[in-house]
C-alpha atoms as a PDB file:
ATOM      1  CA  MET A   1     -26.688 -10.764  -5.227  1.00  0.00           C
ATOM      2  CA  PRO A   2     -24.563  -8.811  -3.007  1.00  0.00           C
ATOM      3  CA  LYS A   3     -20.727  -8.086  -4.946  1.00  0.00           C
ATOM      4  CA  GLU A   4     -19.118  -9.384  -1.715  1.00  0.00           C
ATOM      5  CA  VAL A   5     -19.573 -11.215   1.683  1.00  0.00           C
ATOM      6  CA  THR A   6     -18.310  -9.377   4.997  1.00  0.00           C
ATOM      7  CA  ILE A   7     -17.098 -10.793   7.964  1.00  0.00           C
ATOM      8  CA  LYS A   8     -16.898  -8.589  10.805  1.00  0.00           C
ATOM      9  CA  LEU A   9     -14.585 -10.232  13.484  1.00  0.00           C
ATOM     10  CA  PRO A  10     -15.109  -9.316  17.367  1.00  0.00           C
ATOM     11  CA  ASP A  11     -12.214  -7.042  16.957  1.00  0.00           C
ATOM     12  CA  GLY A  12     -13.385  -5.103  14.445  1.00  0.00           C
ATOM     13  CA  THR A  13     -11.571  -6.356  11.431  1.00  0.00           C
ATOM     14  CA  ILE A  14     -13.166  -6.798   8.438  1.00  0.00           C
ATOM     15  CA  ILE A  15     -12.983  -9.498   5.846  1.00  0.00           C
ATOM     16  CA  ARG A  16     -14.270  -9.162   2.635  1.00  0.00           C
ATOM     17  CA  ILE A  17     -14.887 -11.901  -0.185  1.00  0.00           C
ATOM     18  CA  PRO A  18     -16.241 -11.505  -4.035  1.00  0.00           C
ATOM     19  CA  SER A  19     -19.445 -13.471  -4.244  1.00  0.00           C
ATOM     20  CA  GLY A  20     -19.334 -16.817  -5.658  1.00  0.00           C
ATOM     21  CA  ASP A  21     -16.098 -17.463  -4.408  1.00  0.00           C
ATOM     22  CA  THR A  22     -17.379 -20.337  -2.140  1.00  0.00           C
ATOM     23  CA  GLU A  23     -13.684 -21.564  -1.308  1.00  0.00           C
ATOM     24  CA  SER A  24     -12.379 -18.869   0.161  1.00  0.00           C
ATOM     25  CA  LEU A  25     -15.695 -18.297   1.947  1.00  0.00           C
ATOM     26  CA  LYS A  26     -15.589 -21.850   3.583  1.00  0.00           C
ATOM     27  CA  THR A  27     -11.702 -21.324   3.802  1.00  0.00           C
ATOM     28  CA  THR A  28     -11.707 -18.107   5.654  1.00  0.00           C
ATOM     29  CA  LEU A  29     -14.831 -19.486   7.723  1.00  0.00           C
ATOM     30  CA  ALA A  30     -13.380 -22.606   8.729  1.00  0.00           C
ATOM     31  CA  LEU A  31     -10.165 -20.606   9.909  1.00  0.00           C
ATOM     32  CA  VAL A  32     -12.548 -18.173  11.701  1.00  0.00           C
ATOM     33  CA  THR A  33     -14.749 -20.515  13.088  1.00  0.00           C
ATOM     34  CA  GLY A  34     -12.440 -23.587  13.674  1.00  0.00           C
ATOM     35  CA  LYS A  35     -14.897 -25.268  12.066  1.00  0.00           C
ATOM     36  CA  SER A  36     -14.477 -27.923   9.043  1.00  0.00           C
ATOM     37  CA  ASP A  37     -17.040 -28.744   6.671  1.00  0.00           C
ATOM     38  CA  GLY A  38     -18.056 -32.338   7.740  1.00  0.00           C
ATOM     39  CA  SER A  39     -14.472 -33.426   9.130  1.00  0.00           C
ATOM     40  CA  SER A  40     -14.012 -33.083  12.539  1.00  0.00           C
ATOM     41  CA  SER A  41     -10.968 -31.497  14.651  1.00  0.00           C
ATOM     42  CA  THR A  42      -9.765 -31.370  18.054  1.00  0.00           C
ATOM     43  CA  GLU A  43      -9.797 -28.439  20.550  1.00  0.00           C
ATOM     44  CA  GLU A  44      -6.275 -27.895  20.087  1.00  0.00           C
ATOM     45  CA  GLU A  45      -6.294 -27.754  16.194  1.00  0.00           C
ATOM     46  CA  ARG A  46      -9.347 -25.247  16.758  1.00  0.00           C
ATOM     47  CA  GLU A  47      -7.632 -23.061  18.862  1.00  0.00           C
ATOM     48  CA  GLN A  48      -4.494 -23.150  16.455  1.00  0.00           C
ATOM     49  CA  LYS A  49      -6.508 -21.956  13.482  1.00  0.00           C
ATOM     50  CA  ILE A  50      -8.226 -18.987  15.479  1.00  0.00           C
ATOM     51  CA  ALA A  51      -4.860 -18.273  16.635  1.00  0.00           C
ATOM     52  CA  SER A  52      -3.136 -18.411  13.248  1.00  0.00           C
ATOM     53  CA  ILE A  53      -6.188 -16.115  11.404  1.00  0.00           C
ATOM     54  CA  ASN A  54      -6.101 -13.739  14.515  1.00  0.00           C
ATOM     55  CA  ASP A  55      -2.174 -13.207  14.291  1.00  0.00           C
ATOM     56  CA  LEU A  56      -2.390 -12.876  10.335  1.00  0.00           C
ATOM     57  CA  ILE A  57      -5.337 -10.403  10.239  1.00  0.00           C
ATOM     58  CA  GLY A  58      -3.096  -8.474  12.837  1.00  0.00           C
ATOM     59  CA  ALA A  59       0.048  -8.915  11.573  1.00  0.00           C
ATOM     60  CA  SER A  60       1.721  -5.827   9.607  1.00  0.00           C
ATOM     61  CA  LYS A  61       2.432  -5.600   6.498  1.00  0.00           C
ATOM     62  CA  ILE A  62       6.145  -6.521   6.227  1.00  0.00           C
ATOM     63  CA  GLU A  63       4.977  -9.628   8.573  1.00  0.00           C
ATOM     64  CA  ARG A  64       2.430 -10.829   5.882  1.00  0.00           C
ATOM     65  CA  VAL A  65       4.900 -10.315   2.978  1.00  0.00           C
ATOM     66  CA  ALA A  66       7.320 -12.594   4.613  1.00  0.00           C
ATOM     67  CA  SER A  67       4.417 -14.878   5.585  1.00  0.00           C
ATOM     68  CA  ILE A  68       3.520 -15.090   1.863  1.00  0.00           C
ATOM     69  CA  ILE A  69       7.352 -15.743   0.728  1.00  0.00           C
ATOM     70  CA  ARG A  70       7.699 -18.677   3.687  1.00  0.00           C
ATOM     71  CA  ASN A  71       4.640 -20.060   2.669  1.00  0.00           C
ATOM     72  CA  HIS A  72       4.625 -20.034  -1.025  1.00  0.00           C
ATOM     73  CA  TYR A  73       8.432 -20.150  -1.829  1.00  0.00           C
ATOM     74  CA  PRO A  74      10.819 -22.814  -0.713  1.00  0.00           C
ATOM     75  CA  GLU A  75      14.199 -22.232  -0.212  1.00  0.00           C
ATOM     76  CA  GLY A  76      16.297 -21.827  -3.497  1.00  0.00           C
ATOM     77  CA  ASP A  77      13.248 -21.007  -5.199  1.00  0.00           C
ATOM     78  CA  TRP A  78      13.591 -17.413  -6.977  1.00  0.00           C
ATOM     79  CA  PHE A  79      10.437 -15.096  -7.408  1.00  0.00           C
ATOM     80  CA  ILE A  80      10.300 -11.297  -8.256  1.00  0.00           C
ATOM     81  CA  SER A  81       8.354  -8.294  -6.385  1.00  0.00           C
ATOM     82  CA  ASN A  82       5.249  -8.508  -8.814  1.00  0.00           C
ATOM     83  CA  GLU A  83       4.586 -11.880  -7.927  1.00  0.00           C
ATOM     84  CA  ILE A  84       4.198 -10.884  -4.301  1.00  0.00           C
ATOM     85  CA  CYS A  85       2.388  -8.054  -4.480  1.00  0.00           C
ATOM     86  CA  GLU A  86      -0.010  -9.956  -6.794  1.00  0.00           C
ATOM     87  CA  LEU A  87      -0.312 -12.953  -4.312  1.00  0.00           C
ATOM     88  CA  TYR A  88      -0.398 -10.348  -1.249  1.00  0.00           C
ATOM     89  CA  GLU A  89      -3.613  -8.690  -3.117  1.00  0.00           C
ATOM     90  CA  ILE A  90      -5.317 -12.123  -3.694  1.00  0.00           C
ATOM     91  CA  ILE A  91      -4.752 -13.366  -0.251  1.00  0.00           C
ATOM     92  CA  PHE A  92      -5.623 -10.515   1.849  1.00  0.00           C
ATOM     93  CA  ARG A  93      -8.085  -8.966  -0.699  1.00  0.00           C
ATOM     94  CA  GLU A  94      -6.816  -5.340  -0.320  1.00  0.00           C
ATOM     95  CA  GLY A  95      -4.252  -3.580  -2.428  1.00  0.00           C
ATOM     96  CA  VAL A  96      -0.659  -2.726  -1.796  1.00  0.00           C
ATOM     97  CA  LYS A  97       1.828  -0.274  -3.684  1.00  0.00           C
ATOM     98  CA  MET A  98       4.781  -2.058  -5.346  1.00  0.00           C
ATOM     99  CA  SER A  99       7.037   0.110  -3.698  1.00  0.00           C
ATOM    100  CA  THR A 100       5.734  -0.935  -0.691  1.00  0.00           C
ATOM    101  CA  VAL A 101       6.387  -4.780  -1.434  1.00  0.00           C
ATOM    102  CA  SER A 102       9.762  -3.661  -2.944  1.00  0.00           C
ATOM    103  CA  THR A 103      10.815  -1.799   0.270  1.00  0.00           C
ATOM    104  CA  TYR A 104      10.071  -4.668   2.380  1.00  0.00           C
ATOM    105  CA  LEU A 105      12.308  -7.260   0.287  1.00  0.00           C
ATOM    106  CA  SER A 106      14.781  -5.096   0.263  1.00  0.00           C
ATOM    107  CA  ARG A 107      14.661  -4.696   3.674  1.00  0.00           C
ATOM    108  CA  LEU A 108      14.558  -8.524   4.280  1.00  0.00           C
ATOM    109  CA  ALA A 109      17.509  -8.809   2.053  1.00  0.00           C
ATOM    110  CA  ASP A 110      19.287  -6.332   4.351  1.00  0.00           C
ATOM    111  CA  GLU A 111      18.662  -8.240   7.421  1.00  0.00           C
ATOM    112  CA  ASN A 112      20.194 -11.348   5.158  1.00  0.00           C
ATOM    113  CA  MET A 113      16.315 -13.484   5.469  1.00  0.00           C
ATOM    114  CA  LEU A 114      16.673 -13.001   1.473  1.00  0.00           C
ATOM    115  CA  ASN A 115      18.932 -13.200  -1.399  1.00  0.00           C
ATOM    116  CA  ARG A 116      19.050 -10.818  -3.992  1.00  0.00           C
ATOM    117  CA  LYS A 117      20.579 -11.242  -7.469  1.00  0.00           C
ATOM    118  CA  GLY A 118      20.244  -8.933 -10.508  1.00  0.00           C
ATOM    119  CA  SER A 119      19.820  -5.511 -11.724  1.00  0.00           C
ATOM    120  CA  VAL A 120      16.990  -2.640  -9.912  1.00  0.00           C
ATOM    121  CA  SER A 121      14.783  -3.470 -12.669  1.00  0.00           C
ATOM    122  CA  GLN A 122      15.547  -7.066 -12.759  1.00  0.00           C
ATOM    123  CA  ARG A 123      15.770  -7.773  -9.109  1.00  0.00           C
ATOM    124  CA  LEU A 124      15.237 -11.558  -8.043  1.00  0.00           C
ATOM    125  CA  TYR A 125      14.815 -12.909  -4.392  1.00  0.00           C
ATOM    126  CA  SER A 126      15.082 -16.137  -2.914  1.00  0.00           C
ATOM    127  CA  VAL A 127      14.072 -17.329   0.596  1.00  0.00           C
ATOM    128  CA  THR A 128      16.889 -18.093   3.417  1.00  0.00           C
ATOM    129  CA  LYS A 129      16.797 -20.219   6.563  1.00  0.00           C
ATOM    130  CA  LYS A 130      17.034 -16.815   8.523  1.00  0.00           C
ATOM    131  CA  LEU A 131      13.461 -16.292   7.053  1.00  0.00           C
ATOM    132  CA  LEU A 132      12.002 -19.702   7.490  1.00  0.00           C
ATOM    133  CA  GLU A 133      13.096 -19.387  11.446  1.00  0.00           C
ATOM    134  CA  ASN A 134      12.008 -15.877  11.922  1.00  0.00           C
ATOM    135  CA  TYR A 135       8.624 -16.121  10.262  1.00  0.00           C
ATOM    136  CA  GLY A 136       7.856 -19.523  10.689  1.00  0.00           C
ATOM    137  CA  GLU A 137       4.720 -19.402  12.670  1.00  0.00           C
ATOM    138  CA  LEU A 138       2.521 -17.350  10.430  1.00  0.00           C
ATOM    139  CA  LYS A 139       0.691 -19.094   7.968  1.00  0.00           C
ATOM    140  CA  VAL A 140      -1.342 -17.521   4.787  1.00  0.00           C
ATOM    141  CA  LEU A 141      -4.827 -18.764   3.658  1.00  0.00           C
ATOM    142  CA  GLU A 142      -4.358 -21.267   0.879  1.00  0.00           C
ATOM    143  CA  ILE A 143      -4.775 -19.822  -2.600  1.00  0.00           C
ATOM    144  CA  PRO A 144      -7.034 -21.648  -4.946  1.00  0.00           C
ATOM    145  CA  ALA A 145      -5.204 -23.042  -8.181  1.00  0.00           C
ATOM    146  CA  ASP A 146      -7.746 -20.855 -10.430  1.00  0.00           C
ATOM    147  CA  LEU A 147      -6.356 -17.301  -9.191  1.00  0.00           C
ATOM    148  CA  LEU A 148      -2.716 -18.192  -9.475  1.00  0.00           C
ATOM    149  CA  LYS A 149      -3.079 -18.733 -13.318  1.00  0.00           C
END
């Protein structure tokens, strides 16, 4: 049995999903093809799903980080950079350096898209309305609950 399922998109982007992770595979295939497992969708919904996954795949790392924050942390909830790093690796199935995530969080805070408090070693961030407005379009894949434990 292969260790992972590889999906190659027409633009050359490769998505890798660990074998046995059927829920992620179904979700990814539904987003890429616009077809869900049994439930019908309109042509417009199908096109939106395809556009969403293509936008996300082609997004820069800072856009991906902002998208994770926007979709997983409601306004007023505080989080740390380690949480974003872990979510990034789960969602995008690729590594990201903690220093990269910290840099992007700092930039977003400097642009008033995130609130920031605490010392450098114990930094906490929360979402502002500006982040919700600027990064409202990109959506991330749903994360299976068992991966967040």
